[in-house]
C-alpha atoms as a PDB file:
ATOM      1  CA  MET A   1      12.389  -2.468 -13.912  1.00  0.00           C
ATOM      2  CA  LEU A   2      13.175  -2.440 -10.221  1.00  0.00           C
ATOM      3  CA  ARG A   3      16.558  -3.783  -9.101  1.00  0.00           C
ATOM      4  CA  ILE A   4      16.095  -6.366  -6.336  1.00  0.00           C
ATOM      5  CA  GLY A   5      19.033  -7.859  -4.470  1.00  0.00           C
ATOM      6  CA  VAL A   6      18.535 -11.563  -3.778  1.00  0.00           C
ATOM      7  CA  THR A   7      20.512 -13.412  -1.116  1.00  0.00           C
ATOM      8  CA  GLN A   8      21.836 -16.896  -1.778  1.00  0.00           C
ATOM      9  CA  ARG A   9      22.084 -20.162   0.086  1.00  0.00           C
ATOM     10  CA  VAL A  10      25.493 -21.670   0.847  1.00  0.00           C
ATOM     11  CA  GLU A  11      26.244 -25.139  -0.500  1.00  0.00           C
ATOM     12  CA  VAL A  12      29.368 -26.967   0.703  1.00  0.00           C
ATOM     13  CA  VAL A  13      31.341 -29.118  -1.738  1.00  0.00           C
ATOM     14  CA  PRO A  14      33.835 -31.005   0.467  1.00  0.00           C
ATOM     15  CA  ASP A  15      35.815 -32.769  -2.266  1.00  0.00           C
ATOM     16  CA  ARG A  16      36.633 -29.389  -3.828  1.00  0.00           C
ATOM     17  CA  ASP A  17      36.996 -27.536  -0.524  1.00  0.00           C
ATOM     18  CA  GLU A  18      34.452 -25.000  -1.749  1.00  0.00           C
ATOM     19  CA  ARG A  19      31.593 -23.063  -0.181  1.00  0.00           C
ATOM     20  CA  ARG A  20      29.327 -22.018  -3.044  1.00  0.00           C
ATOM     21  CA  ASP A  21      26.689 -19.311  -3.202  1.00  0.00           C
ATOM     22  CA  CYS A  22      23.612 -20.756  -4.963  1.00  0.00           C
ATOM     23  CA  LEU A  23      20.252 -19.404  -6.113  1.00  0.00           C
ATOM     24  CA  ASP A  24      17.224 -21.292  -7.384  1.00  0.00           C
ATOM     25  CA  GLN A  25      16.726 -20.302 -11.030  1.00  0.00           C
ATOM     26  CA  ALA A  26      12.982 -20.011 -10.339  1.00  0.00           C
ATOM     27  CA  TRP A  27      13.578 -16.632  -8.677  1.00  0.00           C
ATOM     28  CA  THR A  28      14.508 -15.006 -12.004  1.00  0.00           C
ATOM     29  CA  PRO A  29      11.208 -15.537 -13.866  1.00  0.00           C
ATOM     30  CA  LEU A  30       9.136 -14.837 -10.747  1.00  0.00           C
ATOM     31  CA  LEU A  31      10.766 -11.465 -10.162  1.00  0.00           C
ATOM     32  CA  ALA A  32      10.954 -10.594 -13.864  1.00  0.00           C
ATOM     33  CA  GLU A  33       7.227 -11.249 -14.289  1.00  0.00           C
ATOM     34  CA  ASN A  34       6.648  -8.682 -11.560  1.00  0.00           C
ATOM     35  CA  GLY A  35       8.813  -5.880 -12.886  1.00  0.00           C
ATOM     36  CA  CYS A  36      12.053  -6.722 -11.083  1.00  0.00           C
ATOM     37  CA  TRP A  37      15.619  -7.541 -12.129  1.00  0.00           C
ATOM     38  CA  PRO A  38      17.160 -10.034  -9.658  1.00  0.00           C
ATOM     39  CA  ILE A  39      20.677  -9.095  -8.558  1.00  0.00           C
ATOM     40  CA  PRO A  40      22.321 -12.057  -6.722  1.00  0.00           C
ATOM     41  CA  ILE A  41      24.169 -10.951  -3.589  1.00  0.00           C
ATOM     42  CA  PRO A  42      27.313 -12.891  -2.611  1.00  0.00           C
ATOM     43  CA  ASN A  43      27.688 -13.926   1.008  1.00  0.00           C
ATOM     44  CA  ARG A  44      31.147 -12.415   1.453  1.00  0.00           C
ATOM     45  CA  VAL A  45      30.278  -8.723   0.948  1.00  0.00           C
ATOM     46  CA  GLU A  46      31.852  -6.530   3.615  1.00  0.00           C
ATOM     47  CA  THR A  47      30.610  -3.050   2.636  1.00  0.00           C
ATOM     48  CA  VAL A  48      26.869  -3.683   2.493  1.00  0.00           C
ATOM     49  CA  SER A  49      25.744  -0.050   2.670  1.00  0.00           C
ATOM     50  CA  ALA A  50      28.020   0.870  -0.233  1.00  0.00           C
ATOM     51  CA  MET A  51      26.674  -2.071  -2.238  1.00  0.00           C
ATOM     52  CA  LEU A  52      23.073  -0.916  -1.730  1.00  0.00           C
ATOM     53  CA  THR A  53      23.986   2.551  -2.956  1.00  0.00           C
ATOM     54  CA  ASP A  54      26.332   1.577  -5.798  1.00  0.00           C
ATOM     55  CA  LEU A  55      23.893  -0.982  -7.235  1.00  0.00           C
ATOM     56  CA  ALA A  56      20.904   1.341  -6.653  1.00  0.00           C
ATOM     57  CA  LEU A  57      18.883  -1.530  -5.216  1.00  0.00           C
ATOM     58  CA  ASP A  58      15.152  -0.970  -4.829  1.00  0.00           C
ATOM     59  CA  GLY A  59      14.668  -3.888  -2.450  1.00  0.00           C
ATOM     60  CA  ILE A  60      16.038  -7.104  -1.005  1.00  0.00           C
ATOM     61  CA  VAL A  61      14.759 -10.675  -0.905  1.00  0.00           C
ATOM     62  CA  LEU A  62      16.162 -12.873   1.871  1.00  0.00           C
ATOM     63  CA  THR A  63      15.692 -16.299   0.311  1.00  0.00           C
ATOM     64  CA  GLY A  64      15.367 -19.754   1.870  1.00  0.00           C
ATOM     65  CA  GLY A  65      17.891 -22.476   2.642  1.00  0.00           C
ATOM     66  CA  ASN A  66      20.459 -22.882   5.469  1.00  0.00           C
ATOM     67  CA  ASP A  67      19.208 -22.926   9.051  1.00  0.00           C
ATOM     68  CA  LEU A  68      20.480 -20.066  11.180  1.00  0.00           C
ATOM     69  CA  ALA A  69      23.731 -21.112  12.819  1.00  0.00           C
ATOM     70  CA  HIS A  70      22.601 -20.485  16.413  1.00  0.00           C
ATOM     71  CA  LEU A  71      19.660 -22.919  16.207  1.00  0.00           C
ATOM     72  CA  PRO A  72      20.220 -26.244  18.024  1.00  0.00           C
ATOM     73  CA  GLY A  73      20.098 -29.104  15.557  1.00  0.00           C
ATOM     74  CA  GLY A  74      20.013 -26.780  12.569  1.00  0.00           C
ATOM     75  CA  GLN A  75      21.044 -28.140   9.174  1.00  0.00           C
ATOM     76  CA  THR A  76      23.580 -26.769   6.674  1.00  0.00           C
ATOM     77  CA  ALA A  77      24.346 -23.721   8.802  1.00  0.00           C
ATOM     78  CA  ALA A  78      26.230 -20.884   7.114  1.00  0.00           C
ATOM     79  CA  PRO A  79      27.522 -18.304   9.621  1.00  0.00           C
ATOM     80  CA  GLU A  80      28.828 -16.066   6.829  1.00  0.00           C
ATOM     81  CA  ARG A  81      25.309 -15.847   5.412  1.00  0.00           C
ATOM     82  CA  ASP A  82      23.848 -15.024   8.835  1.00  0.00           C
ATOM     83  CA  ALA A  83      26.353 -12.180   9.178  1.00  0.00           C
ATOM     84  CA  LEU A  84      25.700 -10.842   5.668  1.00  0.00           C
ATOM     85  CA  GLU A  85      21.933 -10.837   6.105  1.00  0.00           C
ATOM     86  CA  ALA A  86      22.178  -9.140   9.506  1.00  0.00           C
ATOM     87  CA  ARG A  87      24.258  -6.357   7.926  1.00  0.00           C
ATOM     88  CA  LEU A  88      21.759  -6.137   5.081  1.00  0.00           C
ATOM     89  CA  LEU A  89      18.883  -5.701   7.531  1.00  0.00           C
ATOM     90  CA  GLU A  90      20.819  -3.040   9.398  1.00  0.00           C
ATOM     91  CA  ALA A  91      21.541  -1.128   6.190  1.00  0.00           C
ATOM     92  CA  CYS A  92      18.027  -1.538   4.801  1.00  0.00           C
ATOM     93  CA  SER A  93      16.469  -0.453   8.091  1.00  0.00           C
ATOM     94  CA  GLY A  94      18.528   2.724   8.062  1.00  0.00           C
ATOM     95  CA  ALA A  95      17.851   3.517   4.410  1.00  0.00           C
ATOM     96  CA  GLY A  96      14.200   2.452   4.247  1.00  0.00           C
ATOM     97  CA  VAL A  97      14.879  -0.193   1.590  1.00  0.00           C
ATOM     98  CA  PRO A  98      12.043  -2.773   1.411  1.00  0.00           C
ATOM     99  CA  VAL A  99      12.842  -6.347   2.450  1.00  0.00           C
ATOM    100  CA  LEU A 100      10.945  -9.572   1.808  1.00  0.00           C
ATOM    101  CA  GLY A 101      12.007 -12.533   3.947  1.00  0.00           C
ATOM    102  CA  VAL A 102      11.128 -15.973   2.557  1.00  0.00           C
ATOM    103  CA  CYS A 103      11.139 -19.002   4.897  1.00  0.00           C
ATOM    104  CA  ARG A 104      14.630 -18.676   6.380  1.00  0.00           C
ATOM    105  CA  GLY A 105      14.282 -14.988   5.517  1.00  0.00           C
ATOM    106  CA  LEU A 106      11.285 -14.658   7.858  1.00  0.00           C
ATOM    107  CA  GLN A 107      13.289 -16.508  10.506  1.00  0.00           C
ATOM    108  CA  MET A 108      16.102 -14.006  10.010  1.00  0.00           C
ATOM    109  CA  LEU A 109      13.677 -11.112  10.468  1.00  0.00           C
ATOM    110  CA  VAL A 110      12.430 -12.627  13.711  1.00  0.00           C
ATOM    111  CA  HIS A 111      15.947 -13.257  15.014  1.00  0.00           C
ATOM    112  CA  TYR A 112      17.270  -9.824  13.985  1.00  0.00           C
ATOM    113  CA  HIS A 113      14.342  -7.984  15.544  1.00  0.00           C
ATOM    114  CA  GLY A 114      14.564  -9.729  18.908  1.00  0.00           C
ATOM    115  CA  GLY A 115      12.190 -12.676  18.567  1.00  0.00           C
ATOM    116  CA  GLU A 116      12.835 -16.337  19.334  1.00  0.00           C
ATOM    117  CA  LEU A 117      12.735 -19.270  16.922  1.00  0.00           C
ATOM    118  CA  VAL A 118      11.601 -22.682  18.161  1.00  0.00           C
ATOM    119  CA  PRO A 119      11.320 -26.149  16.591  1.00  0.00           C
ATOM    120  CA  VAL A 120       7.959 -26.742  14.902  1.00  0.00           C
ATOM    121  CA  ALA A 121       6.451 -30.088  13.898  1.00  0.00           C
ATOM    122  CA  ASN A 122       4.813 -31.128  10.622  1.00  0.00           C
ATOM    123  CA  HIS A 123       6.105 -28.233   8.524  1.00  0.00           C
ATOM    124  CA  VAL A 124       8.741 -30.006   6.402  1.00  0.00           C
ATOM    125  CA  ALA A 125       7.878 -30.919   2.786  1.00  0.00           C
ATOM    126  CA  THR A 126       4.134 -30.491   3.179  1.00  0.00           C
ATOM    127  CA  ARG A 127       1.271 -28.092   2.429  1.00  0.00           C
ATOM    128  CA  HIS A 128      -1.205 -26.516   4.829  1.00  0.00           C
ATOM    129  CA  ARG A 129      -3.901 -23.869   5.101  1.00  0.00           C
ATOM    130  CA  LEU A 130      -3.066 -20.185   5.497  1.00  0.00           C
ATOM    131  CA  VAL A 131      -5.268 -17.987   7.692  1.00  0.00           C
ATOM    132  CA  VAL A 132      -4.830 -14.204   7.459  1.00  0.00           C
ATOM    133  CA  CYS A 133      -5.372 -12.259  10.685  1.00  0.00           C
ATOM    134  CA  PRO A 134      -8.239  -9.735  10.894  1.00  0.00           C
ATOM    135  CA  GLY A 135      -7.095  -6.236  10.056  1.00  0.00           C
ATOM    136  CA  ALA A 136      -3.981  -7.335   8.151  1.00  0.00           C
ATOM    137  CA  ASP A 137      -2.905  -4.439   5.951  1.00  0.00           C
ATOM    138  CA  ILE A 138      -0.713  -6.186   3.387  1.00  0.00           C
ATOM    139  CA  PRO A 139      -2.173  -7.893   0.291  1.00  0.00           C
ATOM    140  CA  LEU A 140      -2.709 -11.429   1.572  1.00  0.00           C
ATOM    141  CA  THR A 141      -5.869 -13.519   1.697  1.00  0.00           C
ATOM    142  CA  ASP A 142      -6.672 -16.922   3.164  1.00  0.00           C
ATOM    143  CA  ARG A 143      -5.422 -19.853   1.081  1.00  0.00           C
ATOM    144  CA  GLU A 144      -6.351 -23.497   1.033  1.00  0.00           C
ATOM    145  CA  ALA A 145      -2.700 -24.481   0.845  1.00  0.00           C
ATOM    146  CA  VAL A 146       0.796 -23.023   0.885  1.00  0.00           C
ATOM    147  CA  ASN A 147       4.030 -24.998   0.647  1.00  0.00           C
ATOM    148  CA  SER A 148       6.065 -25.596   3.794  1.00  0.00           C
ATOM    149  CA  PHE A 149       9.745 -26.533   4.131  1.00  0.00           C
ATOM    150  CA  HIS A 150      10.909 -25.444   7.588  1.00  0.00           C
ATOM    151  CA  ALA A 151      11.760 -27.096  10.901  1.00  0.00           C
ATOM    152  CA  PHE A 152      11.912 -23.859  12.936  1.00  0.00           C
ATOM    153  CA  GLY A 153       9.329 -21.132  13.357  1.00  0.00           C
ATOM    154  CA  CYS A 154       7.618 -19.042  15.996  1.00  0.00           C
ATOM    155  CA  TYR A 155       4.331 -18.186  17.640  1.00  0.00           C
ATOM    156  CA  GLU A 156       2.890 -14.757  18.289  1.00  0.00           C
ATOM    157  CA  ASP A 157       4.132 -14.695  21.896  1.00  0.00           C
ATOM    158  CA  ASN A 158       7.791 -15.131  20.857  1.00  0.00           C
ATOM    159  CA  LEU A 159       7.726 -12.971  17.735  1.00  0.00           C
ATOM    160  CA  GLY A 160       9.442 -10.010  19.406  1.00  0.00           C
ATOM    161  CA  PRO A 161       8.232  -6.422  19.821  1.00  0.00           C
ATOM    162  CA  GLU A 162       9.126  -5.072  16.365  1.00  0.00           C
ATOM    163  CA  LEU A 163       7.058  -7.473  14.251  1.00  0.00           C
ATOM    164  CA  ARG A 164       3.347  -8.197  14.036  1.00  0.00           C
ATOM    165  CA  VAL A 165       1.542 -11.324  12.855  1.00  0.00           C
ATOM    166  CA  ILE A 166      -0.124 -11.154   9.452  1.00  0.00           C
ATOM    167  CA  ALA A 167      -1.055 -14.819   8.941  1.00  0.00           C
ATOM    168  CA  THR A 168      -0.830 -18.171  10.708  1.00  0.00           C
ATOM    169  CA  ALA A 169      -1.156 -21.876  10.006  1.00  0.00           C
ATOM    170  CA  ALA A 170      -3.902 -23.909  11.651  1.00  0.00           C
ATOM    171  CA  ASP A 171      -1.533 -24.925  14.465  1.00  0.00           C
ATOM    172  CA  GLY A 172      -0.944 -21.282  15.411  1.00  0.00           C
ATOM    173  CA  THR A 173       2.564 -21.008  14.018  1.00  0.00           C
ATOM    174  CA  VAL A 174       3.347 -17.708  12.328  1.00  0.00           C
ATOM    175  CA  GLU A 175       3.255 -17.806   8.520  1.00  0.00           C
ATOM    176  CA  ALA A 176       3.554 -14.110   7.630  1.00  0.00           C
ATOM    177  CA  VAL A 177       4.809 -11.019   9.455  1.00  0.00           C
ATOM    178  CA  ALA A 178       5.266  -7.299   8.912  1.00  0.00           C
ATOM    179  CA  HIS A 179       7.509  -4.862  10.725  1.00  0.00           C
ATOM    180  CA  ARG A 180       5.557  -2.278  12.698  1.00  0.00           C
ATOM    181  CA  THR A 181       7.231   0.737  11.095  1.00  0.00           C
ATOM    182  CA  LEU A 182       9.620  -0.435   8.342  1.00  0.00           C
ATOM    183  CA  PRO A 183       8.830  -1.892   4.887  1.00  0.00           C
ATOM    184  CA  GLN A 184       9.915  -5.392   5.918  1.00  0.00           C
ATOM    185  CA  TRP A 185       7.599  -8.358   5.351  1.00  0.00           C
ATOM    186  CA  GLY A 186       8.156 -12.073   5.759  1.00  0.00           C
ATOM    187  CA  VAL A 187       6.410 -15.247   4.580  1.00  0.00           C
ATOM    188  CA  MET A 188       7.181 -18.833   5.545  1.00  0.00           C
ATOM    189  CA  TRP A 189       6.237 -20.392   2.201  1.00  0.00           C
ATOM    190  CA  HIS A 190       8.259 -20.212  -1.032  1.00  0.00           C
ATOM    191  CA  PRO A 191       6.594 -18.009  -3.691  1.00  0.00           C
ATOM    192  CA  GLU A 192       9.157 -19.161  -6.274  1.00  0.00           C
ATOM    193  CA  ARG A 193       8.137 -22.816  -6.032  1.00  0.00           C
ATOM    194  CA  ASP A 194       5.316 -24.381  -8.028  1.00  0.00           C
ATOM    195  CA  PRO A 195       2.411 -24.267  -7.932  1.00  0.00           C
ATOM    196  CA  ARG A 196       2.581 -20.483  -7.830  1.00  0.00           C
ATOM    197  CA  ASP A 197      -0.164 -18.377  -6.322  1.00  0.00           C
ATOM    198  CA  ARG A 198      -1.179 -15.098  -7.987  1.00  0.00           C
ATOM    199  CA  GLY A 199      -1.436 -13.583  -4.520  1.00  0.00           C
ATOM    200  CA  ASP A 200       2.334 -13.682  -4.250  1.00  0.00           C
ATOM    201  CA  ALA A 201       2.654 -11.465  -7.324  1.00  0.00           C
ATOM    202  CA  ALA A 202       0.466  -8.886  -5.579  1.00  0.00           C
ATOM    203  CA  LEU A 203       2.680  -9.159  -2.501  1.00  0.00           C
ATOM    204  CA  LEU A 204       5.882  -8.556  -4.468  1.00  0.00           C
ATOM    205  CA  ARG A 205       4.440  -5.632  -6.393  1.00  0.00           C
ATOM    206  CA  ALA A 206       3.051  -3.974  -3.270  1.00  0.00           C
ATOM    207  CA  LEU A 207       6.296  -4.219  -1.316  1.00  0.00           C
ATOM    208  CA  PHE A 208       8.756  -3.307  -4.068  1.00  0.00           C
ATOM    209  CA  SER A 209       6.946  -0.308  -5.500  1.00  0.00           C
ATOM    210  CA  GLY A 210       8.913   2.109  -3.313  1.00  0.00           C
ATOM    211  CA  SER A 211      11.850   4.388  -3.976  1.00  0.00           C
ATOM    212  CA  ARG A 212      15.539   3.835  -4.670  1.00  0.00           C
ATOM    213  CA  VAL A 213      18.367   4.309  -2.181  1.00  0.00           C
END
């Protein structure tokens, strides 16, 4: 079984003065069904490179939840999570560790690699068609519907130089990306949420079949 580090959303509990790291339980069966042990990553890790090595992680999933703190009008921002995921991307980029960004995770990839996120309409709590770009070289095919739970996204012209478009929605917003040279992919839908698509299993297996740190 591959060991996959999974980042967590931050939930604030004011009456207890707590900031909690949380992970949808649906990630465990999804990853386990595809040959992966999920290893939850806390948001207050300081020595990220050492963690990757000590835990012998084979990959990272940047999960959804929490808008990035720099976005105007963003909801439930968690600056500590932004900082942790930026350090994770730095460490994974240097070590060649595969990364899958999911929803917010794709947004983090765009932000980290120099792109710009913008507000997008009609992408919160809905479903829409997925169109894969010609020549895409990761295992995705067109779909009649994927889930959608985001208020920020991007278009090809503000994606940044390091990423390329793999798939879009009908309105032209980017739905899947791949880094030009690193094993870093991103999707805007949530593979862990029902109804699941078998294509997402192929995506996970293809990305996380690489080597250990």
